[in-house]
Amino acid sequence: MAKKLKDYYDGDCARLLGKKIKKHYKVFDINSFISYIESNVDDKKFMERQDIFVDAFEKYMTGNYNNDIEIFTKILGPELSVAEGMFTQGWWLWPVGRYVERHGLKDWDLTTAFIYELTKRFTGEFAIRPLLNANPKKTLELLLIWSKDKNLHVCRLASEGMRIRLPWAKKSLAVLEEVELFKAVLTNLKDDKEKFVMKSVGNNLNDLMKENPLIADEIIEEWQKEDLSKSAQWIIKHGSRSRKDKK
């Protein structure tokens, strides 16, 4: 029987994370950290397990957000060099992202700098959500910058992090408070040739099609004023799959 996703976040994952943390935080009580997680995760669902890990971070790490982020930065490891690997190589970083999701509003600059690095190894799409909801304009201005980044994972995050119906996250309509910035981010990415990024932009457009098809059509019509790249053509098709009046 194939291992369920939730089952990866168990005592073995706690030991993996614990050893990495201990290397940079010598007084870390690794045994209590592991024991806490092992004694609490067995009957928990996926996101509940993530929260058990975060509870353990809060209980056994420094108790200071800035100091914890400094430690987490040191354990990130090498950047992913290709589109693949987010969940096959960086899977163990999910609880770290969940920690940032819970506490990230404490320090905007520190949090966004960490998310930028995290997404090169795993993904920051969940961690950025509270920032987006709290301050759509400031967050989208940052995502607009990231949409031009040289790192493909950062470019994807610029789109994926602002999706209205992001899987594993609560629905958010924050982008509709700053529609022009939202449009600008997608437009910056519409000609990206990396399928990894294209799929995110298409899914983003499809989410919008479900919530506000008028705005989605505005974006498509604006793009169609110029010759469309193959990437943009694919994104429009992928992003229009939920429209009720398909032509």
C-alpha atoms as a PDB file:
ATOM      1  CA  MET A   1       0.000   0.000   0.000  1.00  0.00           C
ATOM      2  CA  ALA A   2       1.347   3.405  -0.996  1.00  0.00           C
ATOM      3  CA  LYS A   3       2.269   5.706   1.839  1.00  0.00           C
ATOM      4  CA  LYS A   4      -0.220   8.517   2.380  1.00  0.00           C
ATOM      5  CA  LEU A   5       1.068  12.084   2.286  1.00  0.00           C
ATOM      6  CA  LYS A   6       0.197  12.701   5.922  1.00  0.00           C
ATOM      7  CA  ASP A   7       2.257   9.707   7.015  1.00  0.00           C
ATOM      8  CA  TYR A   8       5.499  11.359   5.933  1.00  0.00           C
ATOM      9  CA  TYR A   9       5.102  13.818   8.801  1.00  0.00           C
ATOM     10  CA  ASP A  10       5.846  11.452  11.638  1.00  0.00           C
ATOM     11  CA  GLY A  11       8.609  10.615  14.087  1.00  0.00           C
ATOM     12  CA  ASP A  12      11.129  10.083  11.295  1.00  0.00           C
ATOM     13  CA  CYS A  13      10.403  13.546   9.930  1.00  0.00           C
ATOM     14  CA  ALA A  14      10.745  14.937  13.449  1.00  0.00           C
ATOM     15  CA  ARG A  15      14.157  13.269  13.762  1.00  0.00           C
ATOM     16  CA  LEU A  16      15.224  14.661  10.393  1.00  0.00           C
ATOM     17  CA  LEU A  17      14.204  18.186  11.303  1.00  0.00           C
ATOM     18  CA  GLY A  18      15.468  17.834  14.852  1.00  0.00           C
ATOM     19  CA  LYS A  19      18.981  16.883  13.752  1.00  0.00           C
ATOM     20  CA  LYS A  20      19.129  19.818  11.367  1.00  0.00           C
ATOM     21  CA  ILE A  21      17.934  22.251  14.049  1.00  0.00           C
ATOM     22  CA  LYS A  22      20.274  20.825  16.705  1.00  0.00           C
ATOM     23  CA  LYS A  23      23.257  21.518  14.469  1.00  0.00           C
ATOM     24  CA  HIS A  24      22.568  25.260  14.644  1.00  0.00           C
ATOM     25  CA  TYR A  25      20.850  25.468  18.038  1.00  0.00           C
ATOM     26  CA  LYS A  26      22.999  23.543  20.517  1.00  0.00           C
ATOM     27  CA  VAL A  27      20.619  23.758  23.502  1.00  0.00           C
ATOM     28  CA  PHE A  28      17.748  22.352  21.460  1.00  0.00           C
ATOM     29  CA  ASP A  29      16.015  19.515  23.350  1.00  0.00           C
ATOM     30  CA  ILE A  30      15.804  17.197  20.369  1.00  0.00           C
ATOM     31  CA  ASN A  31      14.583  14.178  22.312  1.00  0.00           C
ATOM     32  CA  SER A  32      11.622  16.043  23.801  1.00  0.00           C
ATOM     33  CA  PHE A  33      10.889  17.574  20.385  1.00  0.00           C
ATOM     34  CA  ILE A  34      10.724  14.134  18.760  1.00  0.00           C
ATOM     35  CA  SER A  35       8.778  12.610  21.624  1.00  0.00           C
ATOM     36  CA  TYR A  36       6.194  15.395  21.538  1.00  0.00           C
ATOM     37  CA  ILE A  37       5.547  14.902  17.836  1.00  0.00           C
ATOM     38  CA  GLU A  38       5.507  11.088  17.988  1.00  0.00           C
ATOM     39  CA  SER A  39       3.001  11.106  20.837  1.00  0.00           C
ATOM     40  CA  ASN A  40       0.606  13.487  19.068  1.00  0.00           C
ATOM     41  CA  VAL A  41       0.532  12.785  15.323  1.00  0.00           C
ATOM     42  CA  ASP A  42      -0.742   9.223  15.014  1.00  0.00           C
ATOM     43  CA  ASP A  43      -4.465   9.961  14.836  1.00  0.00           C
ATOM     44  CA  LYS A  44      -4.115  13.341  13.116  1.00  0.00           C
ATOM     45  CA  LYS A  45      -4.983  14.376   9.571  1.00  0.00           C
ATOM     46  CA  PHE A  46      -2.476  16.031   7.248  1.00  0.00           C
ATOM     47  CA  MET A  47      -2.819  19.693   8.231  1.00  0.00           C
ATOM     48  CA  GLU A  48      -3.280  18.735  11.876  1.00  0.00           C
ATOM     49  CA  ARG A  49       0.107  17.042  11.712  1.00  0.00           C
ATOM     50  CA  GLN A  50       1.643  20.192  10.287  1.00  0.00           C
ATOM     51  CA  ASP A  51       0.263  22.113  13.233  1.00  0.00           C
ATOM     52  CA  ILE A  52       1.671  19.568  15.700  1.00  0.00           C
ATOM     53  CA  PHE A  53       5.111  20.248  14.228  1.00  0.00           C
ATOM     54  CA  VAL A  54       4.567  23.991  14.568  1.00  0.00           C
ATOM     55  CA  ASP A  55       3.447  23.527  18.165  1.00  0.00           C
ATOM     56  CA  ALA A  56       6.683  21.617  18.772  1.00  0.00           C
ATOM     57  CA  PHE A  57       8.753  24.393  17.192  1.00  0.00           C
ATOM     58  CA  GLU A  58       7.076  26.878  19.519  1.00  0.00           C
ATOM     59  CA  LYS A  59       7.618  24.659  22.542  1.00  0.00           C
ATOM     60  CA  TYR A  60      11.234  23.616  22.023  1.00  0.00           C
ATOM     61  CA  MET A  61      12.925  26.239  19.854  1.00  0.00           C
ATOM     62  CA  THR A  62      14.031  29.702  20.934  1.00  0.00           C
ATOM     63  CA  GLY A  63      10.610  31.248  21.508  1.00  0.00           C
ATOM     64  CA  ASN A  64      11.651  34.234  19.386  1.00  0.00           C
ATOM     65  CA  TYR A  65      10.434  34.489  15.791  1.00  0.00           C
ATOM     66  CA  ASN A  66      13.528  36.253  14.484  1.00  0.00           C
ATOM     67  CA  ASN A  67      15.870  33.729  16.094  1.00  0.00           C
ATOM     68  CA  ASP A  68      13.824  30.786  14.866  1.00  0.00           C
ATOM     69  CA  ILE A  69      13.860  32.122  11.312  1.00  0.00           C
ATOM     70  CA  GLU A  70      17.626  32.520  11.511  1.00  0.00           C
ATOM     71  CA  ILE A  71      17.901  28.839  12.398  1.00  0.00           C
ATOM     72  CA  PHE A  72      15.438  27.773   9.717  1.00  0.00           C
ATOM     73  CA  THR A  73      17.412  29.747   7.139  1.00  0.00           C
ATOM     74  CA  LYS A  74      20.524  27.777   8.028  1.00  0.00           C
ATOM     75  CA  ILE A  75      18.854  24.384   7.508  1.00  0.00           C
ATOM     76  CA  LEU A  76      17.281  25.108   4.110  1.00  0.00           C
ATOM     77  CA  GLY A  77      20.008  23.434   2.096  1.00  0.00           C
ATOM     78  CA  PRO A  78      20.754  23.864  -1.616  1.00  0.00           C
ATOM     79  CA  GLU A  79      18.337  25.443  -4.068  1.00  0.00           C
ATOM     80  CA  LEU A  80      16.362  23.268  -6.463  1.00  0.00           C
ATOM     81  CA  SER A  81      17.949  23.508  -9.900  1.00  0.00           C
ATOM     82  CA  VAL A  82      14.908  22.365 -11.908  1.00  0.00           C
ATOM     83  CA  ALA A  83      11.112  22.629 -11.697  1.00  0.00           C
ATOM     84  CA  GLU A  84      10.800  19.219 -10.052  1.00  0.00           C
ATOM     85  CA  GLY A  85      11.666  18.507  -6.450  1.00  0.00           C
ATOM     86  CA  MET A  86       9.369  20.711  -4.392  1.00  0.00           C
ATOM     87  CA  PHE A  87       7.615  17.787  -2.778  1.00  0.00           C
ATOM     88  CA  THR A  88      10.118  14.992  -3.477  1.00  0.00           C
ATOM     89  CA  GLN A  89      13.192  16.792  -2.138  1.00  0.00           C
ATOM     90  CA  GLY A  90      11.781  19.686  -0.133  1.00  0.00           C
ATOM     91  CA  TRP A  91       8.837  17.851   1.460  1.00  0.00           C
ATOM     92  CA  TRP A  92      10.341  18.035   4.957  1.00  0.00           C
ATOM     93  CA  LEU A  93      10.162  21.847   4.849  1.00  0.00           C
ATOM     94  CA  TRP A  94       6.350  21.909   4.872  1.00  0.00           C
ATOM     95  CA  PRO A  95       6.168  22.314   8.693  1.00  0.00           C
ATOM     96  CA  VAL A  96       8.664  25.172   8.491  1.00  0.00           C
ATOM     97  CA  GLY A  97       6.452  26.944   5.972  1.00  0.00           C
ATOM     98  CA  ARG A  98       3.482  26.294   8.249  1.00  0.00           C
ATOM     99  CA  TYR A  99       5.366  27.940  11.118  1.00  0.00           C
ATOM    100  CA  VAL A 100       5.912  31.032   8.973  1.00  0.00           C
ATOM    101  CA  GLU A 101       2.272  30.957   7.940  1.00  0.00           C
ATOM    102  CA  ARG A 102       1.323  31.159  11.616  1.00  0.00           C
ATOM    103  CA  HIS A 103       3.832  33.811  12.712  1.00  0.00           C
ATOM    104  CA  GLY A 104       4.910  35.682   9.563  1.00  0.00           C
ATOM    105  CA  LEU A 105       2.984  38.881  10.266  1.00  0.00           C
ATOM    106  CA  LYS A 106       5.343  39.607  13.160  1.00  0.00           C
ATOM    107  CA  ASP A 107       8.053  40.919  10.807  1.00  0.00           C
ATOM    108  CA  TRP A 108       7.216  41.703   7.185  1.00  0.00           C
ATOM    109  CA  ASP A 109      10.762  42.142   5.900  1.00  0.00           C
ATOM    110  CA  LEU A 110      12.171  39.095   7.671  1.00  0.00           C
ATOM    111  CA  THR A 111       9.252  36.942   6.594  1.00  0.00           C
ATOM    112  CA  THR A 112       9.310  37.901   2.928  1.00  0.00           C
ATOM    113  CA  ALA A 113      13.076  37.450   2.751  1.00  0.00           C
ATOM    114  CA  PHE A 114      12.698  33.971   4.223  1.00  0.00           C
ATOM    115  CA  ILE A 115       9.785  33.062   1.936  1.00  0.00           C
ATOM    116  CA  TYR A 116      11.925  34.095  -1.021  1.00  0.00           C
ATOM    117  CA  GLU A 117      14.587  31.589   0.050  1.00  0.00           C
ATOM    118  CA  LEU A 118      12.138  28.890   1.171  1.00  0.00           C
ATOM    119  CA  THR A 119      10.395  28.781  -2.192  1.00  0.00           C
ATOM    120  CA  LYS A 120      13.681  27.976  -3.933  1.00  0.00           C
ATOM    121  CA  ARG A 121      13.758  24.718  -1.966  1.00  0.00           C
ATOM    122  CA  PHE A 122      10.082  23.945  -1.317  1.00  0.00           C
ATOM    123  CA  THR A 123       7.342  26.526  -1.829  1.00  0.00           C
ATOM    124  CA  GLY A 124       6.275  29.723  -0.106  1.00  0.00           C
ATOM    125  CA  GLU A 125       2.769  29.695  -1.544  1.00  0.00           C
ATOM    126  CA  PHE A 126       1.150  28.966   1.819  1.00  0.00           C
ATOM    127  CA  ALA A 127       3.388  31.168   3.936  1.00  0.00           C
ATOM    128  CA  ILE A 128       2.647  34.245   1.810  1.00  0.00           C
ATOM    129  CA  ARG A 129      -1.138  33.980   2.236  1.00  0.00           C
ATOM    130  CA  PRO A 130      -1.491  35.760   5.598  1.00  0.00           C
ATOM    131  CA  LEU A 131       0.596  38.648   4.244  1.00  0.00           C
ATOM    132  CA  LEU A 132      -1.593  38.855   1.149  1.00  0.00           C
ATOM    133  CA  ASN A 133      -4.772  38.881   3.209  1.00  0.00           C
ATOM    134  CA  ALA A 134      -3.426  41.477   5.646  1.00  0.00           C
ATOM    135  CA  ASN A 135      -2.027  43.841   3.018  1.00  0.00           C
ATOM    136  CA  PRO A 136      -2.972  42.971  -0.589  1.00  0.00           C
ATOM    137  CA  LYS A 137      -1.330  46.046  -2.132  1.00  0.00           C
ATOM    138  CA  LYS A 138       2.046  45.651  -0.440  1.00  0.00           C
ATOM    139  CA  THR A 139       2.132  41.920  -1.071  1.00  0.00           C
ATOM    140  CA  LEU A 140       1.137  42.172  -4.723  1.00  0.00           C
ATOM    141  CA  GLU A 141       3.742  44.869  -5.287  1.00  0.00           C
ATOM    142  CA  LEU A 142       6.312  42.377  -4.008  1.00  0.00           C
ATOM    143  CA  LEU A 143       4.899  39.552  -6.119  1.00  0.00           C
ATOM    144  CA  LEU A 144       5.096  41.840  -9.143  1.00  0.00           C
ATOM    145  CA  ILE A 145       8.837  42.153  -8.535  1.00  0.00           C
ATOM    146  CA  TRP A 146       9.170  38.422  -7.989  1.00  0.00           C
ATOM    147  CA  SER A 147       7.334  37.730 -11.243  1.00  0.00           C
ATOM    148  CA  LYS A 148      10.467  38.951 -13.022  1.00  0.00           C
ATOM    149  CA  ASP A 149      12.915  36.965 -10.913  1.00  0.00           C
ATOM    150  CA  LYS A 150      15.552  34.780 -12.541  1.00  0.00           C
ATOM    151  CA  ASN A 151      14.554  31.815 -10.370  1.00  0.00           C
ATOM    152  CA  LEU A 152      11.675  29.812 -11.845  1.00  0.00           C
ATOM    153  CA  HIS A 153      10.372  28.810  -8.406  1.00  0.00           C
ATOM    154  CA  VAL A 154      10.142  32.445  -7.365  1.00  0.00           C
ATOM    155  CA  CYS A 155       8.333  33.279 -10.611  1.00  0.00           C
ATOM    156  CA  ARG A 156       5.871  30.471  -9.970  1.00  0.00           C
ATOM    157  CA  LEU A 157       5.321  31.694  -6.408  1.00  0.00           C
ATOM    158  CA  ALA A 158       4.389  35.131  -7.750  1.00  0.00           C
ATOM    159  CA  SER A 159       1.399  33.444  -9.382  1.00  0.00           C
ATOM    160  CA  GLU A 160       0.682  30.489  -7.106  1.00  0.00           C
ATOM    161  CA  GLY A 161       0.835  32.513  -3.893  1.00  0.00           C
ATOM    162  CA  MET A 162      -2.004  34.784  -5.000  1.00  0.00           C
ATOM    163  CA  ARG A 163      -4.374  32.091  -6.308  1.00  0.00           C
ATOM    164  CA  ILE A 164      -7.926  32.575  -5.102  1.00  0.00           C
ATOM    165  CA  ARG A 165      -8.515  28.845  -4.612  1.00  0.00           C
ATOM    166  CA  LEU A 166      -5.062  27.582  -3.753  1.00  0.00           C
ATOM    167  CA  PRO A 167      -5.230  23.877  -2.797  1.00  0.00           C
ATOM    168  CA  TRP A 168      -4.469  23.180   0.871  1.00  0.00           C
ATOM    169  CA  ALA A 169      -5.230  26.823   1.715  1.00  0.00           C
ATOM    170  CA  LYS A 170      -8.303  28.847   2.583  1.00  0.00           C
ATOM    171  CA  LYS A 171     -10.010  30.642  -0.276  1.00  0.00           C
ATOM    172  CA  SER A 172      -8.880  34.275  -0.537  1.00  0.00           C
ATOM    173  CA  LEU A 173     -10.369  37.116  -2.584  1.00  0.00           C
ATOM    174  CA  ALA A 174      -7.688  39.566  -1.471  1.00  0.00           C
ATOM    175  CA  VAL A 175      -6.340  39.968  -5.009  1.00  0.00           C
ATOM    176  CA  LEU A 176      -9.652  41.463  -6.128  1.00  0.00           C
ATOM    177  CA  GLU A 177      -8.944  44.438  -3.872  1.00  0.00           C
ATOM    178  CA  GLU A 178      -5.983  45.299  -6.098  1.00  0.00           C
ATOM    179  CA  VAL A 179      -7.071  44.095  -9.517  1.00  0.00           C
ATOM    180  CA  GLU A 180      -4.576  46.099 -11.559  1.00  0.00           C
ATOM    181  CA  LEU A 181      -1.624  44.717  -9.624  1.00  0.00           C
ATOM    182  CA  PHE A 182      -3.101  41.228  -9.898  1.00  0.00           C
ATOM    183  CA  LYS A 183      -3.415  41.639 -13.673  1.00  0.00           C
ATOM    184  CA  ALA A 184       0.140  42.944 -13.906  1.00  0.00           C
ATOM    185  CA  VAL A 185       1.617  39.912 -12.156  1.00  0.00           C
ATOM    186  CA  LEU A 186      -0.194  37.495 -14.477  1.00  0.00           C
ATOM    187  CA  THR A 187       0.744  39.559 -17.529  1.00  0.00           C
ATOM    188  CA  ASN A 188       4.411  39.460 -16.545  1.00  0.00           C
ATOM    189  CA  LEU A 189       4.213  35.665 -16.493  1.00  0.00           C
ATOM    190  CA  LYS A 190       1.982  34.951 -19.503  1.00  0.00           C
ATOM    191  CA  ASP A 191       4.895  34.320 -21.877  1.00  0.00           C
ATOM    192  CA  ASP A 192       6.972  32.187 -19.521  1.00  0.00           C
ATOM    193  CA  LYS A 193       8.069  29.031 -21.319  1.00  0.00           C
ATOM    194  CA  GLU A 194       8.404  26.901 -18.195  1.00  0.00           C
ATOM    195  CA  LYS A 195       5.362  24.600 -17.966  1.00  0.00           C
ATOM    196  CA  PHE A 196       5.702  24.675 -14.179  1.00  0.00           C
ATOM    197  CA  VAL A 197       4.981  28.419 -14.255  1.00  0.00           C
ATOM    198  CA  MET A 198       2.470  28.282 -17.122  1.00  0.00           C
ATOM    199  CA  LYS A 199       0.287  25.805 -15.239  1.00  0.00           C
ATOM    200  CA  SER A 200       0.183  28.075 -12.187  1.00  0.00           C
ATOM    201  CA  VAL A 201      -0.820  31.107 -14.250  1.00  0.00           C
ATOM    202  CA  GLY A 202      -3.495  29.071 -16.024  1.00  0.00           C
ATOM    203  CA  ASN A 203      -4.841  27.768 -12.721  1.00  0.00           C
ATOM    204  CA  ASN A 204      -4.833  31.302 -11.359  1.00  0.00           C
ATOM    205  CA  LEU A 205      -6.868  32.491 -14.322  1.00  0.00           C
ATOM    206  CA  ASN A 206      -9.230  29.534 -13.934  1.00  0.00           C
ATOM    207  CA  ASP A 207      -9.774  30.366 -10.246  1.00  0.00           C
ATOM    208  CA  LEU A 208     -10.637  33.912 -11.299  1.00  0.00           C
ATOM    209  CA  MET A 209     -12.982  32.618 -14.007  1.00  0.00           C
ATOM    210  CA  LYS A 210     -15.013  30.903 -11.277  1.00  0.00           C
ATOM    211  CA  GLU A 211     -15.196  33.999  -9.059  1.00  0.00           C
ATOM    212  CA  ASN A 212     -15.283  36.899 -11.473  1.00  0.00           C
ATOM    213  CA  PRO A 213     -15.406  35.893 -15.151  1.00  0.00           C
ATOM    214  CA  LEU A 214     -15.676  39.539 -16.232  1.00  0.00           C
ATOM    215  CA  ILE A 215     -12.219  40.334 -14.868  1.00  0.00           C
ATOM    216  CA  ALA A 216     -10.849  37.090 -16.281  1.00  0.00           C
ATOM    217  CA  ASP A 217     -12.202  38.020 -19.713  1.00  0.00           C
ATOM    218  CA  GLU A 218     -10.717  41.508 -19.396  1.00  0.00           C
ATOM    219  CA  ILE A 219      -7.289  39.996 -18.839  1.00  0.00           C
ATOM    220  CA  ILE A 220      -7.620  37.639 -21.799  1.00  0.00           C
ATOM    221  CA  GLU A 221      -8.923  40.396 -24.088  1.00  0.00           C
ATOM    222  CA  GLU A 222      -6.042  42.644 -23.101  1.00  0.00           C
ATOM    223  CA  TRP A 223      -3.540  39.904 -23.918  1.00  0.00           C
ATOM    224  CA  GLN A 224      -5.231  39.225 -27.248  1.00  0.00           C
ATOM    225  CA  LYS A 225      -4.596  42.767 -28.444  1.00  0.00           C
ATOM    226  CA  GLU A 226      -1.101  41.572 -29.298  1.00  0.00           C
ATOM    227  CA  ASP A 227       0.170  38.418 -30.973  1.00  0.00           C
ATOM    228  CA  LEU A 228      -0.048  35.640 -28.427  1.00  0.00           C
ATOM    229  CA  SER A 229       2.943  33.469 -27.651  1.00  0.00           C
ATOM    230  CA  LYS A 230       2.423  29.719 -27.506  1.00  0.00           C
ATOM    231  CA  SER A 231       2.687  29.962 -23.733  1.00  0.00           C
ATOM    232  CA  ALA A 232      -0.050  32.593 -23.536  1.00  0.00           C
ATOM    233  CA  GLN A 233      -2.298  30.553 -25.838  1.00  0.00           C
ATOM    234  CA  TRP A 234      -1.894  27.501 -23.612  1.00  0.00           C
ATOM    235  CA  ILE A 235      -2.488  29.549 -20.434  1.00  0.00           C
ATOM    236  CA  ILE A 236      -5.700  31.055 -21.826  1.00  0.00           C
ATOM    237  CA  LYS A 237      -7.014  27.623 -22.805  1.00  0.00           C
ATOM    238  CA  HIS A 238      -6.076  26.147 -19.437  1.00  0.00           C
ATOM    239  CA  GLY A 239      -7.451  29.166 -17.611  1.00  0.00           C
ATOM    240  CA  SER A 240     -10.779  29.101 -19.467  1.00  0.00           C
ATOM    241  CA  ARG A 241     -11.665  25.478 -18.808  1.00  0.00           C
ATOM    242  CA  SER A 242     -14.248  26.367 -16.147  1.00  0.00           C
ATOM    243  CA  ARG A 243     -16.118  29.013 -18.083  1.00  0.00           C
ATOM    244  CA  LYS A 244     -19.752  28.151 -18.629  1.00  0.00           C
ATOM    245  CA  ASP A 245     -20.032  29.684 -22.121  1.00  0.00           C
ATOM    246  CA  LYS A 246     -17.134  27.900 -23.794  1.00  0.00           C
ATOM    247  CA  LYS A 247     -16.879  28.759 -27.446  1.00  0.00           C
END
